[in-house]
């Protein structure tokens, strides 16, 4: 398992976003709430918060419903941004 340190997570998200924006819309593979929940569960508590200031422990207390809402909102943004920039 990889160390979810802040720089590594930022790089992983950056790579994923670049990959998404260069993938045709019909082939996009956006994350689902279960994948995001699994990533949150793998976070370590002893790491300092990232640029957003939210501690990892706080993220683990998000209810599944909140994670689903955030993922759906983020995915809708990506779909909109993808279609308007291509």
C-alpha atoms as a PDB file:
ATOM      1  CA  UNK A   1       0.000   0.000   0.000  1.00  0.00           C
ATOM      2  CA  UNK A   2       1.302   3.461  -0.837  1.00  0.00           C
ATOM      3  CA  UNK A   3       1.891   6.129   1.773  1.00  0.00           C
ATOM      4  CA  UNK A   4      -0.958   8.666   1.397  1.00  0.00           C
ATOM      5  CA  UNK A   5       1.277  11.619   2.265  1.00  0.00           C
ATOM      6  CA  UNK A   6       0.041  14.966   1.049  1.00  0.00           C
ATOM      7  CA  UNK A   7       2.510  15.472  -1.849  1.00  0.00           C
ATOM      8  CA  UNK A   8       1.932  11.925  -3.097  1.00  0.00           C
ATOM      9  CA  UNK A   9      -1.848  12.316  -2.947  1.00  0.00           C
ATOM     10  CA  UNK A  10      -1.670  15.666  -4.729  1.00  0.00           C
ATOM     11  CA  UNK A  11       0.486  14.116  -7.458  1.00  0.00           C
ATOM     12  CA  UNK A  12      -1.882  11.145  -7.776  1.00  0.00           C
ATOM     13  CA  UNK A  13      -4.893  13.453  -8.160  1.00  0.00           C
ATOM     14  CA  UNK A  14      -3.005  15.619 -10.653  1.00  0.00           C
ATOM     15  CA  UNK A  15      -2.082  12.578 -12.775  1.00  0.00           C
ATOM     16  CA  UNK A  16      -5.663  11.289 -12.625  1.00  0.00           C
ATOM     17  CA  UNK A  17      -7.093  14.653 -13.683  1.00  0.00           C
ATOM     18  CA  UNK A  18      -4.619  15.019 -16.554  1.00  0.00           C
ATOM     19  CA  UNK A  19      -5.492  11.496 -17.677  1.00  0.00           C
ATOM     20  CA  UNK A  20      -9.201  12.293 -17.465  1.00  0.00           C
ATOM     21  CA  UNK A  21      -8.937  15.491 -19.496  1.00  0.00           C
ATOM     22  CA  UNK A  22      -7.028  13.732 -22.271  1.00  0.00           C
ATOM     23  CA  UNK A  23      -9.451  10.783 -22.401  1.00  0.00           C
ATOM     24  CA  UNK A  24     -12.391  11.004 -24.809  1.00  0.00           C
ATOM     25  CA  UNK A  25     -15.636  11.636 -22.931  1.00  0.00           C
ATOM     26  CA  UNK A  26     -17.109   8.275 -23.919  1.00  0.00           C
ATOM     27  CA  UNK A  27     -14.188   6.472 -22.265  1.00  0.00           C
ATOM     28  CA  UNK A  28     -13.962   8.469 -19.048  1.00  0.00           C
ATOM     29  CA  UNK A  29     -13.790   6.526 -15.829  1.00  0.00           C
ATOM     30  CA  UNK A  30     -14.870   8.772 -12.980  1.00  0.00           C
ATOM     31  CA  UNK A  31     -14.562   7.574  -9.383  1.00  0.00           C
ATOM     32  CA  UNK A  32     -17.586   6.221  -7.596  1.00  0.00           C
ATOM     33  CA  UNK A  33     -18.444   6.821  -3.920  1.00  0.00           C
ATOM     34  CA  UNK A  34     -17.269   3.339  -2.874  1.00  0.00           C
ATOM     35  CA  UNK A  35     -13.814   3.936  -4.362  1.00  0.00           C
ATOM     36  CA  UNK A  36     -13.542   7.290  -2.594  1.00  0.00           C
ATOM     37  CA  UNK A  37     -14.740   5.786   0.705  1.00  0.00           C
ATOM     38  CA  UNK A  38     -12.093   3.051   0.384  1.00  0.00           C
ATOM     39  CA  UNK A  39      -9.391   5.681  -0.247  1.00  0.00           C
ATOM     40  CA  UNK A  40     -10.549   7.615   2.823  1.00  0.00           C
ATOM     41  CA  UNK A  41     -10.389   4.445   4.943  1.00  0.00           C
ATOM     42  CA  UNK A  42      -6.760   3.920   3.895  1.00  0.00           C
ATOM     43  CA  UNK A  43      -5.652   7.385   5.092  1.00  0.00           C
ATOM     44  CA  UNK A  44      -3.273   7.557   8.050  1.00  0.00           C
ATOM     45  CA  UNK A  45      -4.276   9.690  11.030  1.00  0.00           C
ATOM     46  CA  UNK A  46      -0.749  10.803  11.940  1.00  0.00           C
ATOM     47  CA  UNK A  47      -0.252  12.835   8.758  1.00  0.00           C
ATOM     48  CA  UNK A  48      -0.599  16.605   8.750  1.00  0.00           C
ATOM     49  CA  UNK A  49      -3.583  18.060   6.888  1.00  0.00           C
ATOM     50  CA  UNK A  50      -3.138  18.998   3.260  1.00  0.00           C
ATOM     51  CA  UNK A  51      -3.685  22.406   1.683  1.00  0.00           C
ATOM     52  CA  UNK A  52      -7.398  22.260   2.553  1.00  0.00           C
ATOM     53  CA  UNK A  53      -6.598  21.940   6.277  1.00  0.00           C
ATOM     54  CA  UNK A  54      -8.962  18.997   6.794  1.00  0.00           C
ATOM     55  CA  UNK A  55      -7.383  16.333   9.030  1.00  0.00           C
ATOM     56  CA  UNK A  56      -7.542  12.744   7.771  1.00  0.00           C
ATOM     57  CA  UNK A  57      -9.368  11.691  10.938  1.00  0.00           C
ATOM     58  CA  UNK A  58     -12.190  14.142  10.119  1.00  0.00           C
ATOM     59  CA  UNK A  59     -12.546  12.644   6.632  1.00  0.00           C
ATOM     60  CA  UNK A  60     -13.021   9.177   8.122  1.00  0.00           C
ATOM     61  CA  UNK A  61     -16.044  10.463  10.034  1.00  0.00           C
ATOM     62  CA  UNK A  62     -17.883  11.615   6.899  1.00  0.00           C
ATOM     63  CA  UNK A  63     -21.089   9.632   6.451  1.00  0.00           C
ATOM     64  CA  UNK A  64     -21.434   7.627   3.236  1.00  0.00           C
ATOM     65  CA  UNK A  65     -24.212   9.982   2.145  1.00  0.00           C
ATOM     66  CA  UNK A  66     -21.860  12.988   2.343  1.00  0.00           C
ATOM     67  CA  UNK A  67     -19.148  11.152   0.420  1.00  0.00           C
ATOM     68  CA  UNK A  68     -21.690  10.207  -2.270  1.00  0.00           C
ATOM     69  CA  UNK A  69     -22.858  13.818  -2.566  1.00  0.00           C
ATOM     70  CA  UNK A  70     -19.307  15.161  -2.836  1.00  0.00           C
ATOM     71  CA  UNK A  71     -18.311  12.545  -5.435  1.00  0.00           C
ATOM     72  CA  UNK A  72     -21.414  13.191  -7.540  1.00  0.00           C
ATOM     73  CA  UNK A  73     -20.850  16.957  -7.365  1.00  0.00           C
ATOM     74  CA  UNK A  74     -17.178  16.624  -8.290  1.00  0.00           C
ATOM     75  CA  UNK A  75     -17.968  14.228 -11.146  1.00  0.00           C
ATOM     76  CA  UNK A  76     -20.637  16.606 -12.478  1.00  0.00           C
ATOM     77  CA  UNK A  77     -18.072  19.407 -12.425  1.00  0.00           C
ATOM     78  CA  UNK A  78     -15.552  17.249 -14.303  1.00  0.00           C
ATOM     79  CA  UNK A  79     -18.119  16.258 -16.930  1.00  0.00           C
ATOM     80  CA  UNK A  80     -19.113  19.898 -17.437  1.00  0.00           C
ATOM     81  CA  UNK A  81     -15.546  21.140 -17.547  1.00  0.00           C
ATOM     82  CA  UNK A  82     -14.499  18.319 -19.880  1.00  0.00           C
ATOM     83  CA  UNK A  83     -17.249  19.065 -22.393  1.00  0.00           C
ATOM     84  CA  UNK A  84     -16.673  22.819 -22.354  1.00  0.00           C
ATOM     85  CA  UNK A  85     -12.894  22.600 -22.816  1.00  0.00           C
ATOM     86  CA  UNK A  86     -12.614  19.899 -25.481  1.00  0.00           C
END
